[in-house]
């Protein structure tokens, strides 16, 4: 919402009008699976490929993974940050990939 007031309004108050929508970035995490597909997409965006934006669908499943609870669709999504957790042989942590996606719009299905 944006606040707006005409200069000749009789009432000394602002009106609330619909403004531009802002969609925040989405951060996803997963264990490293050894596939290069995600990195290749990130690399295409990083190198300026204008056609690299994709529609990303995220399905939230119930605990036993037998049913989809809800679905988000990220329109014109692009990876803006890809990183990995600490790669320390001394620790017992699982190697994780972190992906941050910027998108133009989020739809709930």
C-alpha atoms as a PDB file:
ATOM      1  CA  UNK A   1       0.000   0.000   0.000  1.00  0.00           C
ATOM      2  CA  UNK A   2       1.114   3.541  -0.655  1.00  0.00           C
ATOM      3  CA  UNK A   3      -0.096   6.667   1.062  1.00  0.00           C
ATOM      4  CA  UNK A   4      -1.235   9.553  -1.107  1.00  0.00           C
ATOM      5  CA  UNK A   5      -2.831  12.917  -0.448  1.00  0.00           C
ATOM      6  CA  UNK A   6      -4.053  15.409  -3.040  1.00  0.00           C
ATOM      7  CA  UNK A   7      -2.749  18.907  -2.402  1.00  0.00           C
ATOM      8  CA  UNK A   8      -6.298  20.331  -2.403  1.00  0.00           C
ATOM      9  CA  UNK A   9      -7.901  17.690  -0.122  1.00  0.00           C
ATOM     10  CA  UNK A  10     -10.135  19.226   2.544  1.00  0.00           C
ATOM     11  CA  UNK A  11      -9.229  16.509   5.058  1.00  0.00           C
ATOM     12  CA  UNK A  12      -5.715  16.560   6.447  1.00  0.00           C
ATOM     13  CA  UNK A  13      -5.170  12.800   6.027  1.00  0.00           C
ATOM     14  CA  UNK A  14      -3.752  10.413   3.489  1.00  0.00           C
ATOM     15  CA  UNK A  15      -5.558   7.830   1.384  1.00  0.00           C
ATOM     16  CA  UNK A  16      -4.208   4.325   1.041  1.00  0.00           C
ATOM     17  CA  UNK A  17      -3.876   3.136  -2.546  1.00  0.00           C
ATOM     18  CA  UNK A  18      -2.712  -0.160  -3.991  1.00  0.00           C
ATOM     19  CA  UNK A  19       0.985   0.136  -4.816  1.00  0.00           C
ATOM     20  CA  UNK A  20       3.502  -2.135  -6.462  1.00  0.00           C
ATOM     21  CA  UNK A  21       3.801  -5.637  -5.094  1.00  0.00           C
ATOM     22  CA  UNK A  22       7.192  -6.720  -3.762  1.00  0.00           C
ATOM     23  CA  UNK A  23       8.111 -10.391  -3.591  1.00  0.00           C
ATOM     24  CA  UNK A  24      10.981 -11.347  -1.321  1.00  0.00           C
ATOM     25  CA  UNK A  25      13.605 -13.943  -2.164  1.00  0.00           C
ATOM     26  CA  UNK A  26      13.077 -17.623  -1.374  1.00  0.00           C
ATOM     27  CA  UNK A  27      15.847 -19.673   0.255  1.00  0.00           C
ATOM     28  CA  UNK A  28      15.944 -23.427  -0.315  1.00  0.00           C
ATOM     29  CA  UNK A  29      18.204 -26.019   1.332  1.00  0.00           C
ATOM     30  CA  UNK A  30      18.957 -29.600   0.422  1.00  0.00           C
ATOM     31  CA  UNK A  31      21.641 -32.177   0.954  1.00  0.00           C
ATOM     32  CA  UNK A  32      24.276 -32.314  -1.777  1.00  0.00           C
ATOM     33  CA  UNK A  33      23.172 -34.909  -4.341  1.00  0.00           C
ATOM     34  CA  UNK A  34      25.989 -34.621  -6.896  1.00  0.00           C
ATOM     35  CA  UNK A  35      23.902 -33.241  -9.776  1.00  0.00           C
ATOM     36  CA  UNK A  36      25.302 -30.331 -11.809  1.00  0.00           C
ATOM     37  CA  UNK A  37      21.896 -29.172 -13.138  1.00  0.00           C
ATOM     38  CA  UNK A  38      21.403 -26.595 -10.378  1.00  0.00           C
ATOM     39  CA  UNK A  39      24.917 -25.183 -10.814  1.00  0.00           C
ATOM     40  CA  UNK A  40      24.499 -24.976 -14.609  1.00  0.00           C
ATOM     41  CA  UNK A  41      21.311 -22.922 -14.175  1.00  0.00           C
ATOM     42  CA  UNK A  42      23.059 -20.630 -11.681  1.00  0.00           C
ATOM     43  CA  UNK A  43      26.022 -20.278 -14.048  1.00  0.00           C
ATOM     44  CA  UNK A  44      23.741 -19.370 -16.984  1.00  0.00           C
ATOM     45  CA  UNK A  45      22.110 -16.579 -14.962  1.00  0.00           C
ATOM     46  CA  UNK A  46      25.481 -15.398 -13.649  1.00  0.00           C
ATOM     47  CA  UNK A  47      26.811 -15.167 -17.216  1.00  0.00           C
ATOM     48  CA  UNK A  48      23.872 -13.004 -18.339  1.00  0.00           C
ATOM     49  CA  UNK A  49      21.589 -15.485 -20.120  1.00  0.00           C
ATOM     50  CA  UNK A  50      18.343 -13.508 -20.481  1.00  0.00           C
ATOM     51  CA  UNK A  51      16.331 -16.700 -21.117  1.00  0.00           C
ATOM     52  CA  UNK A  52      17.463 -18.472 -17.928  1.00  0.00           C
ATOM     53  CA  UNK A  53      14.432 -17.421 -15.839  1.00  0.00           C
ATOM     54  CA  UNK A  54      12.212 -20.412 -15.029  1.00  0.00           C
ATOM     55  CA  UNK A  55       8.980 -21.253 -13.317  1.00  0.00           C
ATOM     56  CA  UNK A  56       9.811 -23.129 -10.103  1.00  0.00           C
ATOM     57  CA  UNK A  57       7.165 -25.226  -8.368  1.00  0.00           C
ATOM     58  CA  UNK A  58       7.585 -26.127  -4.685  1.00  0.00           C
ATOM     59  CA  UNK A  59       5.405 -28.894  -3.244  1.00  0.00           C
ATOM     60  CA  UNK A  60       5.044 -29.196   0.532  1.00  0.00           C
ATOM     61  CA  UNK A  61       4.258 -32.799   1.442  1.00  0.00           C
ATOM     62  CA  UNK A  62       2.817 -34.259   4.613  1.00  0.00           C
ATOM     63  CA  UNK A  63       5.112 -36.107   7.026  1.00  0.00           C
ATOM     64  CA  UNK A  64       4.839 -39.515   5.370  1.00  0.00           C
ATOM     65  CA  UNK A  65       5.167 -37.948   1.884  1.00  0.00           C
ATOM     66  CA  UNK A  66       1.934 -39.513   0.680  1.00  0.00           C
ATOM     67  CA  UNK A  67       0.090 -36.285  -0.140  1.00  0.00           C
ATOM     68  CA  UNK A  68       0.877 -32.748  -1.289  1.00  0.00           C
ATOM     69  CA  UNK A  69      -0.333 -30.258   1.333  1.00  0.00           C
ATOM     70  CA  UNK A  70       0.257 -27.032  -0.584  1.00  0.00           C
ATOM     71  CA  UNK A  71       2.072 -25.810  -3.688  1.00  0.00           C
ATOM     72  CA  UNK A  72       3.879 -22.561  -4.413  1.00  0.00           C
ATOM     73  CA  UNK A  73       4.716 -21.465  -7.938  1.00  0.00           C
ATOM     74  CA  UNK A  74       7.584 -18.972  -8.391  1.00  0.00           C
ATOM     75  CA  UNK A  75       7.214 -17.195 -11.710  1.00  0.00           C
ATOM     76  CA  UNK A  76      10.289 -16.012 -13.637  1.00  0.00           C
ATOM     77  CA  UNK A  77      12.624 -17.288 -10.911  1.00  0.00           C
ATOM     78  CA  UNK A  78      16.379 -16.788 -11.098  1.00  0.00           C
ATOM     79  CA  UNK A  79      19.081 -17.988  -8.707  1.00  0.00           C
ATOM     80  CA  UNK A  80      20.847 -15.055  -7.070  1.00  0.00           C
ATOM     81  CA  UNK A  81      23.003 -16.938  -4.583  1.00  0.00           C
ATOM     82  CA  UNK A  82      24.268 -20.508  -4.437  1.00  0.00           C
ATOM     83  CA  UNK A  83      26.459 -21.694  -1.590  1.00  0.00           C
ATOM     84  CA  UNK A  84      27.500 -24.767   0.309  1.00  0.00           C
ATOM     85  CA  UNK A  85      27.950 -25.336   3.995  1.00  0.00           C
ATOM     86  CA  UNK A  86      31.366 -25.696   5.554  1.00  0.00           C
ATOM     87  CA  UNK A  87      33.279 -28.497   3.899  1.00  0.00           C
ATOM     88  CA  UNK A  88      35.178 -29.561   6.978  1.00  0.00           C
ATOM     89  CA  UNK A  89      36.365 -33.147   7.225  1.00  0.00           C
ATOM     90  CA  UNK A  90      36.707 -32.724  11.002  1.00  0.00           C
ATOM     91  CA  UNK A  91      32.958 -32.150  11.509  1.00  0.00           C
ATOM     92  CA  UNK A  92      30.088 -34.600  11.257  1.00  0.00           C
ATOM     93  CA  UNK A  93      27.747 -32.187   9.460  1.00  0.00           C
ATOM     94  CA  UNK A  94      25.870 -33.129   6.304  1.00  0.00           C
ATOM     95  CA  UNK A  95      27.003 -31.247   3.180  1.00  0.00           C
ATOM     96  CA  UNK A  96      24.161 -28.853   2.317  1.00  0.00           C
ATOM     97  CA  UNK A  97      23.425 -26.675  -0.712  1.00  0.00           C
ATOM     98  CA  UNK A  98      21.776 -23.303  -0.133  1.00  0.00           C
ATOM     99  CA  UNK A  99      19.956 -21.683  -3.048  1.00  0.00           C
ATOM    100  CA  UNK A 100      18.413 -18.211  -2.966  1.00  0.00           C
ATOM    101  CA  UNK A 101      15.867 -17.500  -5.693  1.00  0.00           C
ATOM    102  CA  UNK A 102      14.549 -14.128  -6.783  1.00  0.00           C
ATOM    103  CA  UNK A 103      11.203 -14.208  -8.554  1.00  0.00           C
ATOM    104  CA  UNK A 104       8.742 -11.766 -10.062  1.00  0.00           C
ATOM    105  CA  UNK A 105       5.632 -13.321  -8.553  1.00  0.00           C
ATOM    106  CA  UNK A 106       4.567 -16.065  -6.133  1.00  0.00           C
ATOM    107  CA  UNK A 107       1.300 -17.930  -6.664  1.00  0.00           C
ATOM    108  CA  UNK A 108      -0.311 -20.356  -4.222  1.00  0.00           C
ATOM    109  CA  UNK A 109      -2.108 -23.349  -5.712  1.00  0.00           C
END
